[in-house]
Amino acid sequence: MNLEEKIRNIDGFPKEGISFKDITTVLKDKDAFKYSIDELKRLTEDVEFDLILGPEARGFLVGAPLAYATNKGFIPIRKPGKLPAETISYEYDLEYGTDVLEIHKDAIKKNDKVIIVDDLLATGGTVASTIKMVEQLGGEVVGLYFLIELTFLNGIDQIKGYNVKSLVKY
């Protein structure tokens, strides 16, 4: 299957000059969605890991089904104030400001091997922040998996040294 054909491009969203890669068209197409999760699962087959993390919100849509398919636990990475137990947080820069992500303090135990899954690798800020929180809690990031990678934004530069796989590259 050519997954790129299933991804809708929306020019000028969220602002002029951006061509948004919309995965809702993949999610609603049962065959494309299944193919995406199956392909991500295939990419993880030779990786030993304990848990899957997915950043809010589209990382949930990809990470949770992958956790189910691989028989692993899933940990949500959330925006501030959304997790009920004690958290750690990480603030990071965006091109137009800052953002903050949080994880439960007890979500990862020392030496847990985790993979991080999201819909998109763009500038790398979200995944780099997630990596920092995992490592702060004593976990080891053994893989980073994305449906889409926007190579022209050089997000890969923020996550050098990690195993990175993407299903579609623009």
N, C-alpha and C. Protein backbone atom coordinates (compact mmCIF):
# COMPACT_ATOMS: atom_id res chain seq x y z
N MET A 1 0.84 -1.18 0.00
CA MET A 1 0.00 0.00 0.00
C MET A 1 0.88 1.24 0.00
N ASN A 2 0.51 2.22 -0.78
CA ASN A 2 1.20 3.50 -0.78
C ASN A 2 0.51 4.41 0.23
N LEU A 3 1.07 4.46 1.45
CA LEU A 3 0.46 5.23 2.53
C LEU A 3 0.42 6.72 2.22
N GLU A 4 1.39 7.20 1.49
CA GLU A 4 1.44 8.63 1.14
C GLU A 4 0.17 9.06 0.39
N GLU A 5 -0.38 8.16 -0.42
CA GLU A 5 -1.62 8.46 -1.14
C GLU A 5 -2.82 8.60 -0.22
N LYS A 6 -2.74 8.04 0.97
CA LYS A 6 -3.85 8.06 1.93
C LYS A 6 -3.81 9.29 2.85
N ILE A 7 -2.69 9.98 2.88
CA ILE A 7 -2.53 11.16 3.74
C ILE A 7 -3.02 12.39 3.00
N ARG A 8 -3.93 13.13 3.63
CA ARG A 8 -4.47 14.34 3.00
C ARG A 8 -3.55 15.52 3.29
N ASN A 9 -3.26 16.30 2.26
CA ASN A 9 -2.47 17.52 2.41
C ASN A 9 -3.42 18.71 2.41
N ILE A 10 -3.25 19.58 3.40
CA ILE A 10 -4.08 20.78 3.49
C ILE A 10 -3.15 21.98 3.49
N ASP A 11 -3.09 22.65 2.34
CA ASP A 11 -2.22 23.81 2.20
C ASP A 11 -2.79 25.01 2.97
N GLY A 12 -1.89 25.76 3.63
CA GLY A 12 -2.29 26.95 4.37
C GLY A 12 -2.85 26.68 5.75
N PHE A 13 -2.68 25.47 6.27
CA PHE A 13 -3.15 25.15 7.62
C PHE A 13 -1.96 24.71 8.45
N PRO A 14 -1.79 25.16 9.67
CA PRO A 14 -2.62 26.12 10.39
C PRO A 14 -2.36 27.58 10.03
N LYS A 15 -1.35 27.79 9.16
CA LYS A 15 -1.11 29.15 8.69
C LYS A 15 -0.53 29.09 7.29
N GLU A 16 -0.55 30.21 6.63
CA GLU A 16 -0.06 30.30 5.26
C GLU A 16 1.39 29.80 5.16
N GLY A 17 1.68 29.06 4.10
CA GLY A 17 3.03 28.55 3.89
C GLY A 17 3.26 27.15 4.41
N ILE A 18 2.28 26.61 5.14
CA ILE A 18 2.41 25.26 5.69
C ILE A 18 1.48 24.33 4.92
N SER A 19 1.97 23.13 4.62
CA SER A 19 1.15 22.09 4.01
C SER A 19 0.96 21.01 5.06
N PHE A 20 -0.17 21.06 5.75
CA PHE A 20 -0.47 20.16 6.86
C PHE A 20 -0.70 18.74 6.36
N LYS A 21 -0.09 17.79 7.04
CA LYS A 21 -0.26 16.38 6.72
C LYS A 21 -1.32 15.80 7.65
N ASP A 22 -2.50 15.58 7.11
CA ASP A 22 -3.68 15.16 7.88
C ASP A 22 -3.80 13.65 7.87
N ILE A 23 -3.67 13.02 9.05
CA ILE A 23 -3.77 11.56 9.14
C ILE A 23 -5.19 11.08 9.40
N THR A 24 -6.15 11.99 9.56
CA THR A 24 -7.52 11.52 9.80
C THR A 24 -8.03 10.67 8.64
N THR A 25 -7.52 10.92 7.45
CA THR A 25 -7.90 10.11 6.29
C THR A 25 -7.32 8.70 6.39
N VAL A 26 -6.17 8.55 7.03
CA VAL A 26 -5.60 7.23 7.28
C VAL A 26 -6.40 6.52 8.36
N LEU A 27 -6.75 7.24 9.42
CA LEU A 27 -7.47 6.65 10.53
C LEU A 27 -8.84 6.13 10.13
N LYS A 28 -9.54 6.85 9.25
CA LYS A 28 -10.89 6.44 8.87
C LYS A 28 -10.89 5.31 7.84
N ASP A 29 -9.79 5.10 7.17
CA ASP A 29 -9.66 4.02 6.19
C ASP A 29 -9.13 2.78 6.92
N LYS A 30 -10.02 1.83 7.18
CA LYS A 30 -9.64 0.68 8.02
C LYS A 30 -8.42 -0.06 7.48
N ASP A 31 -8.31 -0.15 6.16
CA ASP A 31 -7.17 -0.86 5.58
C ASP A 31 -5.87 -0.06 5.75
N ALA A 32 -5.93 1.25 5.55
CA ALA A 32 -4.74 2.09 5.72
C ALA A 32 -4.32 2.16 7.18
N PHE A 33 -5.29 2.24 8.08
CA PHE A 33 -4.98 2.29 9.51
C PHE A 33 -4.34 0.98 9.95
N LYS A 34 -4.93 -0.13 9.56
CA LYS A 34 -4.38 -1.44 9.90
C LYS A 34 -2.98 -1.60 9.31
N TYR A 35 -2.82 -1.20 8.05
CA TYR A 35 -1.52 -1.27 7.40
C TYR A 35 -0.48 -0.46 8.19
N SER A 36 -0.84 0.74 8.62
CA SER A 36 0.08 1.60 9.37
C SER A 36 0.53 0.95 10.66
N ILE A 37 -0.40 0.42 11.42
CA ILE A 37 -0.05 -0.22 12.69
C ILE A 37 0.75 -1.50 12.43
N ASP A 38 0.34 -2.28 11.43
CA ASP A 38 1.09 -3.50 11.10
C ASP A 38 2.53 -3.18 10.67
N GLU A 39 2.70 -2.12 9.89
CA GLU A 39 4.05 -1.73 9.46
C GLU A 39 4.90 -1.24 10.63
N LEU A 40 4.30 -0.46 11.53
CA LEU A 40 5.05 -0.03 12.71
C LEU A 40 5.42 -1.23 13.56
N LYS A 41 4.50 -2.16 13.71
CA LYS A 41 4.80 -3.39 14.47
C LYS A 41 5.96 -4.13 13.82
N ARG A 42 5.93 -4.25 12.50
CA ARG A 42 7.02 -4.94 11.77
C ARG A 42 8.37 -4.26 12.05
N LEU A 43 8.37 -2.93 12.09
CA LEU A 43 9.61 -2.20 12.33
C LEU A 43 10.15 -2.42 13.75
N THR A 44 9.28 -2.80 14.68
CA THR A 44 9.72 -3.00 16.07
C THR A 44 10.07 -4.44 16.39
N GLU A 45 9.89 -5.34 15.44
CA GLU A 45 10.05 -6.77 15.73
C GLU A 45 11.42 -7.15 16.25
N ASP A 46 12.47 -6.49 15.83
CA ASP A 46 13.82 -6.83 16.27
C ASP A 46 14.30 -5.95 17.42
N VAL A 47 13.38 -5.19 18.02
CA VAL A 47 13.73 -4.29 19.11
C VAL A 47 13.15 -4.84 20.41
N GLU A 48 13.99 -4.93 21.42
CA GLU A 48 13.53 -5.38 22.73
C GLU A 48 13.07 -4.16 23.52
N PHE A 49 11.78 -4.15 23.90
CA PHE A 49 11.26 -3.01 24.66
C PHE A 49 10.15 -3.47 25.60
N ASP A 50 9.90 -2.63 26.62
CA ASP A 50 8.90 -2.94 27.64
C ASP A 50 7.61 -2.14 27.47
N LEU A 51 7.74 -0.89 27.02
CA LEU A 51 6.61 0.04 27.00
C LEU A 51 6.63 0.90 25.75
N ILE A 52 5.45 1.42 25.40
CA ILE A 52 5.31 2.37 24.32
C ILE A 52 4.77 3.67 24.89
N LEU A 53 5.40 4.78 24.52
CA LEU A 53 4.94 6.11 24.91
C LEU A 53 4.40 6.83 23.69
N GLY A 54 3.34 7.60 23.89
CA GLY A 54 2.77 8.40 22.81
C GLY A 54 2.41 9.78 23.31
N PRO A 55 2.94 10.83 22.68
CA PRO A 55 2.60 12.20 23.07
C PRO A 55 1.19 12.59 22.63
N GLU A 56 0.57 13.44 23.44
CA GLU A 56 -0.76 13.95 23.15
C GLU A 56 -0.77 14.71 21.84
N ALA A 57 -1.74 14.61 21.07
CA ALA A 57 -2.86 13.70 21.13
C ALA A 57 -2.73 12.63 20.05
N ARG A 58 -2.13 12.97 18.93
CA ARG A 58 -2.08 11.99 17.84
C ARG A 58 -1.15 10.82 18.14
N GLY A 59 -0.21 10.99 19.06
CA GLY A 59 0.60 9.86 19.49
C GLY A 59 -0.22 8.79 20.17
N PHE A 60 -1.35 9.19 20.78
CA PHE A 60 -2.27 8.22 21.38
C PHE A 60 -2.89 7.35 20.29
N LEU A 61 -3.24 7.99 19.16
CA LEU A 61 -3.95 7.30 18.08
C LEU A 61 -3.09 6.25 17.40
N VAL A 62 -1.79 6.42 17.47
CA VAL A 62 -0.86 5.48 16.85
C VAL A 62 -0.25 4.56 17.92
N GLY A 63 0.12 5.14 19.05
CA GLY A 63 0.81 4.38 20.09
C GLY A 63 -0.04 3.34 20.79
N ALA A 64 -1.29 3.68 21.11
CA ALA A 64 -2.15 2.72 21.82
C ALA A 64 -2.44 1.48 20.98
N PRO A 65 -2.82 1.61 19.70
CA PRO A 65 -3.03 0.39 18.92
C PRO A 65 -1.74 -0.41 18.71
N LEU A 66 -0.61 0.28 18.62
CA LEU A 66 0.66 -0.43 18.49
C LEU A 66 0.98 -1.18 19.78
N ALA A 67 0.69 -0.58 20.92
CA ALA A 67 0.89 -1.27 22.20
C ALA A 67 0.03 -2.54 22.26
N TYR A 68 -1.21 -2.42 21.83
CA TYR A 68 -2.09 -3.59 21.78
C TYR A 68 -1.51 -4.67 20.85
N ALA A 69 -1.08 -4.26 19.66
CA ALA A 69 -0.57 -5.20 18.66
C ALA A 69 0.71 -5.89 19.11
N THR A 70 1.52 -5.22 19.92
CA THR A 70 2.79 -5.79 20.37
C THR A 70 2.70 -6.37 21.79
N ASN A 71 1.51 -6.29 22.38
CA ASN A 71 1.28 -6.80 23.74
C ASN A 71 2.18 -6.10 24.77
N LYS A 72 2.25 -4.77 24.65
CA LYS A 72 3.05 -3.94 25.57
C LYS A 72 2.13 -2.92 26.24
N GLY A 73 2.60 -2.34 27.32
CA GLY A 73 1.86 -1.28 27.98
C GLY A 73 2.02 0.03 27.23
N PHE A 74 1.06 0.94 27.45
CA PHE A 74 1.09 2.25 26.80
C PHE A 74 1.09 3.34 27.85
N ILE A 75 1.95 4.35 27.65
CA ILE A 75 2.05 5.49 28.56
C ILE A 75 1.74 6.76 27.78
N PRO A 76 0.70 7.50 28.20
CA PRO A 76 0.41 8.77 27.53
C PRO A 76 1.29 9.90 28.06
N ILE A 77 1.77 10.71 27.14
CA ILE A 77 2.49 11.94 27.48
C ILE A 77 1.47 13.06 27.27
N ARG A 78 1.24 13.88 28.30
CA ARG A 78 0.12 14.81 28.25
C ARG A 78 0.56 16.26 28.39
N LYS A 79 -0.37 17.14 28.06
CA LYS A 79 -0.22 18.57 28.31
C LYS A 79 -0.41 18.78 29.82
N PRO A 80 0.06 19.90 30.36
CA PRO A 80 -0.02 20.14 31.82
C PRO A 80 -1.44 20.07 32.36
N GLY A 81 -1.53 19.48 33.56
CA GLY A 81 -2.80 19.44 34.28
C GLY A 81 -3.74 18.33 33.86
N LYS A 82 -3.33 17.45 32.98
CA LYS A 82 -4.21 16.39 32.47
C LYS A 82 -4.00 15.04 33.17
N LEU A 83 -2.86 14.86 33.81
CA LEU A 83 -2.57 13.59 34.48
C LEU A 83 -2.87 13.73 35.97
N PRO A 84 -3.56 12.74 36.56
CA PRO A 84 -4.04 12.89 37.94
C PRO A 84 -3.01 12.64 39.04
N ALA A 85 -1.98 11.86 38.79
CA ALA A 85 -0.99 11.55 39.83
C ALA A 85 0.20 12.50 39.69
N GLU A 86 1.19 12.31 40.55
CA GLU A 86 2.37 13.17 40.54
C GLU A 86 3.12 13.04 39.21
N THR A 87 3.54 14.18 38.67
CA THR A 87 4.17 14.20 37.35
C THR A 87 5.54 14.88 37.39
N ILE A 88 6.29 14.66 36.32
CA ILE A 88 7.43 15.50 36.00
C ILE A 88 7.07 16.17 34.68
N SER A 89 7.67 17.32 34.42
CA SER A 89 7.34 18.02 33.19
C SER A 89 8.62 18.51 32.52
N TYR A 90 8.46 18.85 31.25
CA TYR A 90 9.58 19.38 30.48
C TYR A 90 9.05 20.47 29.56
N GLU A 91 9.65 21.65 29.64
CA GLU A 91 9.29 22.76 28.78
C GLU A 91 10.28 22.83 27.62
N TYR A 92 9.74 23.06 26.43
CA TYR A 92 10.60 23.13 25.25
C TYR A 92 10.14 24.24 24.33
N ASP A 93 11.06 24.65 23.46
CA ASP A 93 10.79 25.77 22.55
C ASP A 93 10.12 25.30 21.27
N LEU A 94 9.21 26.13 20.83
CA LEU A 94 8.59 25.99 19.52
C LEU A 94 9.04 27.17 18.68
N GLU A 95 8.75 27.13 17.40
CA GLU A 95 9.16 28.26 16.57
C GLU A 95 8.37 29.52 16.91
N TYR A 96 7.24 29.37 17.61
CA TYR A 96 6.40 30.52 17.94
C TYR A 96 6.13 30.65 19.43
N GLY A 97 6.93 29.99 20.29
CA GLY A 97 6.72 30.08 21.73
C GLY A 97 7.31 28.88 22.44
N THR A 98 6.63 28.45 23.50
CA THR A 98 7.07 27.28 24.24
C THR A 98 5.88 26.36 24.48
N ASP A 99 6.18 25.12 24.84
CA ASP A 99 5.16 24.15 25.20
C ASP A 99 5.69 23.32 26.35
N VAL A 100 4.80 22.59 27.01
CA VAL A 100 5.17 21.77 28.16
C VAL A 100 4.49 20.41 28.00
N LEU A 101 5.23 19.36 28.33
CA LEU A 101 4.69 18.01 28.37
C LEU A 101 4.91 17.43 29.75
N GLU A 102 4.05 16.48 30.13
CA GLU A 102 4.15 15.83 31.43
C GLU A 102 3.99 14.32 31.31
N ILE A 103 4.57 13.64 32.29
CA ILE A 103 4.45 12.19 32.42
C ILE A 103 4.32 11.87 33.90
N HIS A 104 3.56 10.83 34.21
CA HIS A 104 3.49 10.39 35.61
C HIS A 104 4.89 9.98 36.08
N LYS A 105 5.21 10.39 37.31
CA LYS A 105 6.52 10.08 37.88
C LYS A 105 6.77 8.59 37.99
N ASP A 106 5.70 7.81 38.18
CA ASP A 106 5.86 6.37 38.36
C ASP A 106 5.60 5.58 37.07
N ALA A 107 5.52 6.26 35.93
CA ALA A 107 5.19 5.59 34.67
C ALA A 107 6.32 4.69 34.17
N ILE A 108 7.54 5.08 34.47
CA ILE A 108 8.71 4.34 33.98
C ILE A 108 9.60 4.01 35.16
N LYS A 109 10.02 2.75 35.20
CA LYS A 109 10.96 2.32 36.23
C LYS A 109 12.38 2.34 35.66
N LYS A 110 13.34 2.41 36.55
CA LYS A 110 14.74 2.40 36.13
C LYS A 110 15.00 1.19 35.23
N ASN A 111 15.68 1.45 34.12
CA ASN A 111 16.07 0.44 33.13
C ASN A 111 14.94 -0.07 32.24
N ASP A 112 13.72 0.49 32.36
CA ASP A 112 12.67 0.14 31.40
C ASP A 112 13.13 0.56 30.01
N LYS A 113 12.91 -0.30 29.06
CA LYS A 113 13.22 0.02 27.66
C LYS A 113 11.92 0.45 26.99
N VAL A 114 11.95 1.64 26.40
CA VAL A 114 10.74 2.18 25.82
C VAL A 114 10.95 2.61 24.37
N ILE A 115 9.84 2.59 23.63
CA ILE A 115 9.84 3.20 22.32
C ILE A 115 8.82 4.35 22.37
N ILE A 116 9.07 5.36 21.58
CA ILE A 116 8.18 6.51 21.48
C ILE A 116 7.58 6.49 20.09
N VAL A 117 6.26 6.66 20.03
CA VAL A 117 5.53 6.59 18.77
C VAL A 117 4.69 7.85 18.63
N ASP A 118 4.73 8.45 17.44
CA ASP A 118 3.91 9.63 17.17
C ASP A 118 3.52 9.63 15.70
N ASP A 119 2.60 10.50 15.36
CA ASP A 119 2.18 10.58 13.96
C ASP A 119 3.20 11.28 13.10
N LEU A 120 3.95 12.23 13.68
CA LEU A 120 4.76 13.12 12.86
C LEU A 120 6.05 13.53 13.54
N LEU A 121 7.15 13.46 12.80
CA LEU A 121 8.41 14.06 13.22
C LEU A 121 8.60 15.30 12.37
N ALA A 122 8.53 16.47 13.00
CA ALA A 122 8.71 17.74 12.28
C ALA A 122 10.01 18.37 12.76
N THR A 123 9.94 19.30 13.71
CA THR A 123 11.14 19.96 14.21
C THR A 123 11.84 19.15 15.30
N GLY A 124 11.16 18.15 15.85
CA GLY A 124 11.78 17.26 16.83
C GLY A 124 11.60 17.67 18.28
N GLY A 125 10.96 18.81 18.54
CA GLY A 125 10.82 19.30 19.91
C GLY A 125 10.01 18.39 20.82
N THR A 126 8.90 17.87 20.32
CA THR A 126 8.05 17.00 21.14
C THR A 126 8.77 15.72 21.52
N VAL A 127 9.36 15.06 20.54
CA VAL A 127 10.02 13.79 20.83
C VAL A 127 11.28 14.00 21.67
N ALA A 128 12.02 15.07 21.42
CA ALA A 128 13.22 15.34 22.24
C ALA A 128 12.83 15.56 23.70
N SER A 129 11.73 16.25 23.93
CA SER A 129 11.25 16.48 25.30
C SER A 129 10.83 15.17 25.95
N THR A 130 10.15 14.34 25.19
CA THR A 130 9.72 13.04 25.71
C THR A 130 10.93 12.19 26.07
N ILE A 131 11.94 12.20 25.23
CA ILE A 131 13.18 11.46 25.52
C ILE A 131 13.79 11.94 26.84
N LYS A 132 13.87 13.24 27.03
CA LYS A 132 14.47 13.79 28.25
C LYS A 132 13.71 13.32 29.50
N MET A 133 12.38 13.28 29.44
CA MET A 133 11.61 12.82 30.60
C MET A 133 11.82 11.34 30.85
N VAL A 134 11.86 10.53 29.80
CA VAL A 134 12.11 9.09 29.95
C VAL A 134 13.46 8.88 30.64
N GLU A 135 14.48 9.57 30.16
CA GLU A 135 15.82 9.40 30.71
C GLU A 135 15.92 9.94 32.13
N GLN A 136 15.20 11.01 32.43
CA GLN A 136 15.16 11.54 33.79
C GLN A 136 14.58 10.52 34.77
N LEU A 137 13.64 9.72 34.30
CA LEU A 137 13.02 8.70 35.14
C LEU A 137 13.82 7.40 35.17
N GLY A 138 14.93 7.33 34.42
CA GLY A 138 15.79 6.14 34.45
C GLY A 138 15.50 5.15 33.35
N GLY A 139 14.61 5.50 32.41
CA GLY A 139 14.32 4.61 31.31
C GLY A 139 15.31 4.77 30.17
N GLU A 140 15.26 3.83 29.25
CA GLU A 140 16.13 3.86 28.08
C GLU A 140 15.26 3.88 26.82
N VAL A 141 15.46 4.87 25.98
CA VAL A 141 14.72 4.97 24.72
C VAL A 141 15.45 4.11 23.68
N VAL A 142 14.76 3.09 23.18
CA VAL A 142 15.39 2.17 22.24
C VAL A 142 14.84 2.32 20.81
N GLY A 143 13.90 3.23 20.62
CA GLY A 143 13.40 3.45 19.27
C GLY A 143 12.39 4.58 19.22
N LEU A 144 12.36 5.25 18.06
CA LEU A 144 11.44 6.35 17.79
C LEU A 144 10.76 6.04 16.47
N TYR A 145 9.43 5.98 16.48
CA TYR A 145 8.68 5.55 15.30
C TYR A 145 7.60 6.56 14.96
N PHE A 146 7.51 6.87 13.66
CA PHE A 146 6.59 7.90 13.20
C PHE A 146 5.86 7.43 11.94
N LEU A 147 4.61 7.86 11.79
CA LEU A 147 3.94 7.63 10.52
C LEU A 147 4.59 8.48 9.44
N ILE A 148 4.88 9.76 9.79
CA ILE A 148 5.36 10.73 8.81
C ILE A 148 6.59 11.44 9.35
N GLU A 149 7.55 11.69 8.48
CA GLU A 149 8.71 12.51 8.82
C GLU A 149 8.84 13.63 7.78
N LEU A 150 8.88 14.86 8.26
CA LEU A 150 9.11 16.01 7.39
C LEU A 150 10.61 16.28 7.38
N THR A 151 11.33 15.67 6.47
CA THR A 151 12.79 15.70 6.48
C THR A 151 13.35 17.12 6.31
N PHE A 152 12.62 17.98 5.60
CA PHE A 152 13.10 19.34 5.34
C PHE A 152 13.13 20.21 6.58
N LEU A 153 12.49 19.76 7.68
CA LEU A 153 12.53 20.53 8.94
C LEU A 153 13.67 20.08 9.85
N ASN A 154 14.38 19.04 9.45
CA ASN A 154 15.60 18.58 10.15
C ASN A 154 15.37 18.21 11.62
N GLY A 155 14.19 17.70 11.95
CA GLY A 155 13.92 17.26 13.32
C GLY A 155 14.84 16.16 13.77
N ILE A 156 15.34 15.40 12.84
CA ILE A 156 16.26 14.30 13.14
C ILE A 156 17.52 14.82 13.84
N ASP A 157 17.88 16.09 13.59
CA ASP A 157 19.07 16.67 14.21
C ASP A 157 18.95 16.74 15.73
N GLN A 158 17.74 16.87 16.26
CA GLN A 158 17.53 16.94 17.72
C GLN A 158 17.59 15.58 18.38
N ILE A 159 17.53 14.52 17.59
CA ILE A 159 17.44 13.18 18.18
C ILE A 159 18.52 12.24 17.61
N LYS A 160 19.67 12.82 17.32
CA LYS A 160 20.79 12.02 16.81
C LYS A 160 21.18 10.96 17.84
N GLY A 161 21.56 9.81 17.33
CA GLY A 161 21.99 8.73 18.20
C GLY A 161 20.87 7.77 18.58
N TYR A 162 19.65 8.07 18.17
CA TYR A 162 18.51 7.19 18.46
C TYR A 162 18.09 6.47 17.19
N ASN A 163 17.51 5.30 17.37
CA ASN A 163 16.97 4.51 16.27
C ASN A 163 15.65 5.15 15.83
N VAL A 164 15.62 5.75 14.65
CA VAL A 164 14.45 6.47 14.14
C VAL A 164 13.94 5.79 12.88
N LYS A 165 12.63 5.51 12.85
CA LYS A 165 11.99 4.91 11.67
C LYS A 165 10.71 5.67 11.37
N SER A 166 10.49 5.93 10.09
CA SER A 166 9.27 6.61 9.63
C SER A 166 8.69 5.85 8.45
N LEU A 167 7.36 5.79 8.39
CA LEU A 167 6.71 5.09 7.29
C LEU A 167 6.69 5.91 6.00
N VAL A 168 6.51 7.24 6.13
CA VAL A 168 6.45 8.13 4.97
C VAL A 168 7.35 9.32 5.24
N LYS A 169 8.16 9.68 4.25
CA LYS A 169 9.04 10.85 4.39
C LYS A 169 8.71 11.86 3.31
N TYR A 170 8.59 13.12 3.75
CA TYR A 170 8.38 14.24 2.84
C TYR A 170 9.61 15.13 2.89
